[in-house]
Each structure stands twice: as structure tokens, then as C-alpha cells.
């Protein structure tokens, strides 16, 4: 019985189709992160300022994906520009988005929750590699882009 439970936990953690890391990938989704920002920042000037950066981040990554198209580990077919952006591996928009948003939330909070917030973007990046949507370099460059946009928001 114990071995069976361990097998189920292992399957849940590392199943590429429906496991934990597949679910963690949702924390890089544009709509999920938009809702999360709304929850933390409310609908006011701060939210609107942050959201402008968030949308600029998305546009920037889409432009890179069109200009520097790179196949995903599991190649996807495309027939138009929108599908081409979706089929491109470089850079990881999930990683960029998640790091940008969680750094913003990180800057608001104090205490032990900060450690948890650092783990979420890392799990998102790991999940993107595990489910064969990205190569490690795609995730790393996504993190760099997300960090740059966060710094631009803080500095400007």
C-alpha cells in the first residue's frame, strides 16, 4: 500500500500531462497573473501602472518570438503569426511573466511568505522544461526579461 501511495505521489509530481508541474505552469498564464495582480493591487493607479508594464512585457516577448523563432522541444505546427508566436520556444513568456509579477508581490510582502513567492516562478520555469514546452535557455532568458521589466518599473 505504501509503495502504491509513493507511486501515485511520484506520478502526480512528474506526470507531464496532468501532474503538479503542469498545474504550476498556470502561474505563468497571462490571465491568471492578471487576476492575481488585481487581487494584490486592487483596481487603482498602481494596478494600472503595473499592468502597462505587464502588457509591454507581453508585446516585447511576442516581438522576440516572431523575430527569433525557435522550435519547441516538441515541435508545433503553425499557419499564421498568432500560431507562430504560440509555437515559438524562445523566450519563455510564462517564466518572464511569473518572475515579473511575483517580484512585484515580493516587494509588497515581508516575512516567510517571501520564500514561498521565490519558489513559484522557479517551479513555473521547471514545469515549462519538464512538459517540453521550453529549453532551459528559454526559461533563463525569460527570467532575465522579467527581471529587467521589474527593475524598469521600480526605477522609472
C-alpha atoms as a PDB file:
ATOM      1  CA  UNK A   1       0.000   0.000   0.000  1.00  0.00           C
ATOM      2  CA  UNK A   2       2.814   2.409   0.932  1.00  0.00           C
ATOM      3  CA  UNK A   3       4.608   1.734  -2.339  1.00  0.00           C
ATOM      4  CA  UNK A   4       1.397   2.399  -4.252  1.00  0.00           C
ATOM      5  CA  UNK A   5       0.983   5.757  -2.485  1.00  0.00           C
ATOM      6  CA  UNK A   6       4.573   6.693  -3.301  1.00  0.00           C
ATOM      7  CA  UNK A   7       3.948   5.773  -6.935  1.00  0.00           C
ATOM      8  CA  UNK A   8       0.863   7.985  -7.052  1.00  0.00           C
ATOM      9  CA  UNK A   9       2.663  10.920  -5.464  1.00  0.00           C
ATOM     10  CA  UNK A  10       5.583  10.488  -7.860  1.00  0.00           C
ATOM     11  CA  UNK A  11       3.191  10.299 -10.816  1.00  0.00           C
ATOM     12  CA  UNK A  12       1.377  13.448  -9.652  1.00  0.00           C
ATOM     13  CA  UNK A  13       4.605  15.370  -9.227  1.00  0.00           C
ATOM     14  CA  UNK A  14       6.215  14.434 -12.520  1.00  0.00           C
ATOM     15  CA  UNK A  15       3.426  13.455 -14.919  1.00  0.00           C
ATOM     16  CA  UNK A  16       3.941  15.713 -17.923  1.00  0.00           C
ATOM     17  CA  UNK A  17       0.276  15.663 -18.926  1.00  0.00           C
ATOM     18  CA  UNK A  18      -1.574  16.324 -15.675  1.00  0.00           C
ATOM     19  CA  UNK A  19       0.883  16.482 -12.799  1.00  0.00           C
ATOM     20  CA  UNK A  20       1.816  19.135 -10.270  1.00  0.00           C
ATOM     21  CA  UNK A  21       4.310  20.902 -12.500  1.00  0.00           C
ATOM     22  CA  UNK A  22       1.832  21.039 -15.347  1.00  0.00           C
ATOM     23  CA  UNK A  23      -0.509  22.805 -12.943  1.00  0.00           C
ATOM     24  CA  UNK A  24       2.298  25.117 -11.763  1.00  0.00           C
ATOM     25  CA  UNK A  25       2.603  26.304 -15.337  1.00  0.00           C
ATOM     26  CA  UNK A  26      -0.692  28.146 -14.811  1.00  0.00           C
ATOM     27  CA  UNK A  27       1.161  30.623 -12.583  1.00  0.00           C
ATOM     28  CA  UNK A  28       2.769  31.935 -15.769  1.00  0.00           C
ATOM     29  CA  UNK A  29      -0.514  32.351 -17.646  1.00  0.00           C
ATOM     30  CA  UNK A  30      -1.375  35.926 -18.680  1.00  0.00           C
ATOM     31  CA  UNK A  31      -4.979  35.783 -17.429  1.00  0.00           C
ATOM     32  CA  UNK A  32      -4.140  34.046 -14.139  1.00  0.00           C
ATOM     33  CA  UNK A  33      -1.405  36.589 -13.398  1.00  0.00           C
ATOM     34  CA  UNK A  34      -3.666  39.498 -14.391  1.00  0.00           C
ATOM     35  CA  UNK A  35      -6.232  38.285 -11.859  1.00  0.00           C
ATOM     36  CA  UNK A  36      -3.530  37.795  -9.219  1.00  0.00           C
ATOM     37  CA  UNK A  37      -2.248  41.348  -9.746  1.00  0.00           C
ATOM     38  CA  UNK A  38      -5.795  42.644  -9.416  1.00  0.00           C
ATOM     39  CA  UNK A  39      -6.170  40.764  -6.104  1.00  0.00           C
ATOM     40  CA  UNK A  40      -2.939  42.168  -4.673  1.00  0.00           C
ATOM     41  CA  UNK A  41      -3.034  45.709  -6.048  1.00  0.00           C
ATOM     42  CA  UNK A  42      -6.756  46.383  -6.459  1.00  0.00           C
ATOM     43  CA  UNK A  43      -8.030  48.465  -9.352  1.00  0.00           C
ATOM     44  CA  UNK A  44      -6.307  51.797  -8.980  1.00  0.00           C
ATOM     45  CA  UNK A  45      -3.388  53.804 -10.289  1.00  0.00           C
ATOM     46  CA  UNK A  46      -0.774  51.329  -9.032  1.00  0.00           C
ATOM     47  CA  UNK A  47      -2.508  48.429 -10.741  1.00  0.00           C
ATOM     48  CA  UNK A  48      -2.814  50.380 -13.999  1.00  0.00           C
ATOM     49  CA  UNK A  49       0.869  51.378 -13.929  1.00  0.00           C
ATOM     50  CA  UNK A  50       1.913  47.788 -13.292  1.00  0.00           C
ATOM     51  CA  UNK A  51      -0.460  46.496 -15.945  1.00  0.00           C
ATOM     52  CA  UNK A  52       1.054  48.799 -18.570  1.00  0.00           C
ATOM     53  CA  UNK A  53       4.449  47.215 -17.864  1.00  0.00           C
ATOM     54  CA  UNK A  54       2.869  43.765 -17.908  1.00  0.00           C
ATOM     55  CA  UNK A  55       1.341  44.371 -21.342  1.00  0.00           C
ATOM     56  CA  UNK A  56       4.604  45.891 -22.623  1.00  0.00           C
ATOM     57  CA  UNK A  57       6.395  42.764 -21.390  1.00  0.00           C
ATOM     58  CA  UNK A  58       3.959  40.618 -23.371  1.00  0.00           C
ATOM     59  CA  UNK A  59       4.384  42.692 -26.535  1.00  0.00           C
ATOM     60  CA  UNK A  60       8.174  42.616 -26.180  1.00  0.00           C
ATOM     61  CA  UNK A  61       8.235  38.830 -25.820  1.00  0.00           C
ATOM     62  CA  UNK A  62       5.855  38.367 -28.761  1.00  0.00           C
ATOM     63  CA  UNK A  63       8.155  40.508 -30.912  1.00  0.00           C
ATOM     64  CA  UNK A  64      11.164  38.404 -29.919  1.00  0.00           C
ATOM     65  CA  UNK A  65       9.249  35.206 -30.693  1.00  0.00           C
ATOM     66  CA  UNK A  66       8.414  36.458 -34.188  1.00  0.00           C
ATOM     67  CA  UNK A  67      11.913  37.751 -34.956  1.00  0.00           C
ATOM     68  CA  UNK A  68      13.913  34.937 -33.356  1.00  0.00           C
ATOM     69  CA  UNK A  69      11.583  31.976 -33.910  1.00  0.00           C
ATOM     70  CA  UNK A  70      12.826  28.761 -32.295  1.00  0.00           C
ATOM     71  CA  UNK A  71      11.015  25.410 -32.321  1.00  0.00           C
ATOM     72  CA  UNK A  72       9.815  23.995 -29.035  1.00  0.00           C
ATOM     73  CA  UNK A  73      11.268  20.688 -27.810  1.00  0.00           C
ATOM     74  CA  UNK A  74       8.025  19.116 -29.068  1.00  0.00           C
ATOM     75  CA  UNK A  75       7.682  20.935 -32.381  1.00  0.00           C
ATOM     76  CA  UNK A  76       4.311  22.610 -33.026  1.00  0.00           C
ATOM     77  CA  UNK A  77       2.915  23.461 -36.460  1.00  0.00           C
ATOM     78  CA  UNK A  78       1.673  26.944 -37.283  1.00  0.00           C
ATOM     79  CA  UNK A  79      -0.081  28.596 -40.202  1.00  0.00           C
ATOM     80  CA  UNK A  80      -0.351  32.248 -39.105  1.00  0.00           C
ATOM     81  CA  UNK A  81       1.503  34.817 -36.996  1.00  0.00           C
ATOM     82  CA  UNK A  82      -0.508  34.138 -33.812  1.00  0.00           C
ATOM     83  CA  UNK A  83       0.168  30.404 -34.041  1.00  0.00           C
ATOM     84  CA  UNK A  84       3.838  31.137 -34.810  1.00  0.00           C
ATOM     85  CA  UNK A  85       4.146  33.148 -31.591  1.00  0.00           C
ATOM     86  CA  UNK A  86       2.474  30.337 -29.663  1.00  0.00           C
ATOM     87  CA  UNK A  87       4.679  27.688 -31.288  1.00  0.00           C
ATOM     88  CA  UNK A  88       7.916  29.552 -30.557  1.00  0.00           C
ATOM     89  CA  UNK A  89      10.019  28.396 -27.661  1.00  0.00           C
ATOM     90  CA  UNK A  90      12.275  31.421 -27.196  1.00  0.00           C
ATOM     91  CA  UNK A  91      11.970  33.123 -24.747  1.00  0.00           C
ATOM     92  CA  UNK A  92       9.629  31.635 -22.166  1.00  0.00           C
ATOM     93  CA  UNK A  93       6.806  34.120 -21.663  1.00  0.00           C
ATOM     94  CA  UNK A  94       5.483  32.093 -18.714  1.00  0.00           C
ATOM     95  CA  UNK A  95       8.828  32.485 -16.925  1.00  0.00           C
ATOM     96  CA  UNK A  96       9.093  36.208 -17.703  1.00  0.00           C
ATOM     97  CA  UNK A  97       5.532  36.937 -16.624  1.00  0.00           C
ATOM     98  CA  UNK A  98       5.708  34.898 -13.425  1.00  0.00           C
ATOM     99  CA  UNK A  99       9.007  36.424 -12.302  1.00  0.00           C
ATOM    100  CA  UNK A 100       7.785  39.973 -13.037  1.00  0.00           C
ATOM    101  CA  UNK A 101       4.531  39.548 -11.099  1.00  0.00           C
ATOM    102  CA  UNK A 102       5.961  37.604  -8.175  1.00  0.00           C
ATOM    103  CA  UNK A 103       8.808  40.103  -7.752  1.00  0.00           C
ATOM    104  CA  UNK A 104       6.171  42.833  -7.548  1.00  0.00           C
ATOM    105  CA  UNK A 105       4.235  40.898  -4.915  1.00  0.00           C
ATOM    106  CA  UNK A 106       7.521  40.011  -3.169  1.00  0.00           C
ATOM    107  CA  UNK A 107       8.285  43.725  -2.842  1.00  0.00           C
ATOM    108  CA  UNK A 108       4.939  44.256  -1.070  1.00  0.00           C
ATOM    109  CA  UNK A 109       5.193  41.491   1.500  1.00  0.00           C
ATOM    110  CA  UNK A 110       7.520  40.717   4.360  1.00  0.00           C
ATOM    111  CA  UNK A 111       8.290  37.608   6.334  1.00  0.00           C
ATOM    112  CA  UNK A 112       8.308  33.930   5.453  1.00  0.00           C
ATOM    113  CA  UNK A 113       5.828  34.306   2.572  1.00  0.00           C
ATOM    114  CA  UNK A 114       8.664  35.859   0.563  1.00  0.00           C
ATOM    115  CA  UNK A 115      10.452  32.499   0.433  1.00  0.00           C
ATOM    116  CA  UNK A 116       7.323  30.866  -0.965  1.00  0.00           C
ATOM    117  CA  UNK A 117       6.978  33.607  -3.594  1.00  0.00           C
ATOM    118  CA  UNK A 118      10.505  32.969  -4.862  1.00  0.00           C
ATOM    119  CA  UNK A 119       9.690  29.280  -5.326  1.00  0.00           C
ATOM    120  CA  UNK A 120       6.681  29.855  -7.586  1.00  0.00           C
ATOM    121  CA  UNK A 121       8.492  31.349 -10.619  1.00  0.00           C
ATOM    122  CA  UNK A 122      11.192  28.686 -10.234  1.00  0.00           C
ATOM    123  CA  UNK A 123       8.525  25.966 -10.311  1.00  0.00           C
ATOM    124  CA  UNK A 124       6.936  27.618 -13.364  1.00  0.00           C
ATOM    125  CA  UNK A 125      10.263  27.555 -15.221  1.00  0.00           C
ATOM    126  CA  UNK A 126      10.962  23.975 -14.195  1.00  0.00           C
ATOM    127  CA  UNK A 127       7.481  22.961 -15.308  1.00  0.00           C
ATOM    128  CA  UNK A 128       7.952  24.537 -18.749  1.00  0.00           C
ATOM    129  CA  UNK A 129      11.100  22.460 -19.297  1.00  0.00           C
ATOM    130  CA  UNK A 130       9.567  19.309 -17.796  1.00  0.00           C
ATOM    131  CA  UNK A 131       6.484  19.400 -20.030  1.00  0.00           C
ATOM    132  CA  UNK A 132       8.742  20.044 -23.044  1.00  0.00           C
ATOM    133  CA  UNK A 133       7.469  23.500 -23.902  1.00  0.00           C
ATOM    134  CA  UNK A 134      10.900  25.140 -23.489  1.00  0.00           C
ATOM    135  CA  UNK A 135      14.604  24.523 -23.273  1.00  0.00           C
ATOM    136  CA  UNK A 136      16.474  25.708 -20.163  1.00  0.00           C
ATOM    137  CA  UNK A 137      17.963  28.696 -22.031  1.00  0.00           C
ATOM    138  CA  UNK A 138      14.436  29.849 -22.991  1.00  0.00           C
ATOM    139  CA  UNK A 139      13.426  29.879 -19.328  1.00  0.00           C
ATOM    140  CA  UNK A 140      16.603  31.644 -18.204  1.00  0.00           C
ATOM    141  CA  UNK A 141      16.197  34.375 -20.830  1.00  0.00           C
ATOM    142  CA  UNK A 142      12.533  34.688 -19.812  1.00  0.00           C
ATOM    143  CA  UNK A 143      13.624  35.256 -16.207  1.00  0.00           C
ATOM    144  CA  UNK A 144      16.144  37.884 -17.321  1.00  0.00           C
ATOM    145  CA  UNK A 145      13.493  39.738 -19.330  1.00  0.00           C
ATOM    146  CA  UNK A 146      11.003  39.563 -16.437  1.00  0.00           C
ATOM    147  CA  UNK A 147      13.653  40.890 -14.019  1.00  0.00           C
ATOM    148  CA  UNK A 148      14.558  43.738 -16.402  1.00  0.00           C
ATOM    149  CA  UNK A 149      10.909  44.807 -16.700  1.00  0.00           C
ATOM    150  CA  UNK A 150      10.552  44.635 -12.905  1.00  0.00           C
ATOM    151  CA  UNK A 151      13.647  46.816 -12.452  1.00  0.00           C
ATOM    152  CA  UNK A 152      12.342  49.284 -15.060  1.00  0.00           C
ATOM    153  CA  UNK A 153       9.071  49.527 -13.149  1.00  0.00           C
ATOM    154  CA  UNK A 154      10.896  50.078  -9.827  1.00  0.00           C
ATOM    155  CA  UNK A 155      13.414  52.591 -11.221  1.00  0.00           C
ATOM    156  CA  UNK A 156      11.081  54.515 -13.506  1.00  0.00           C
END
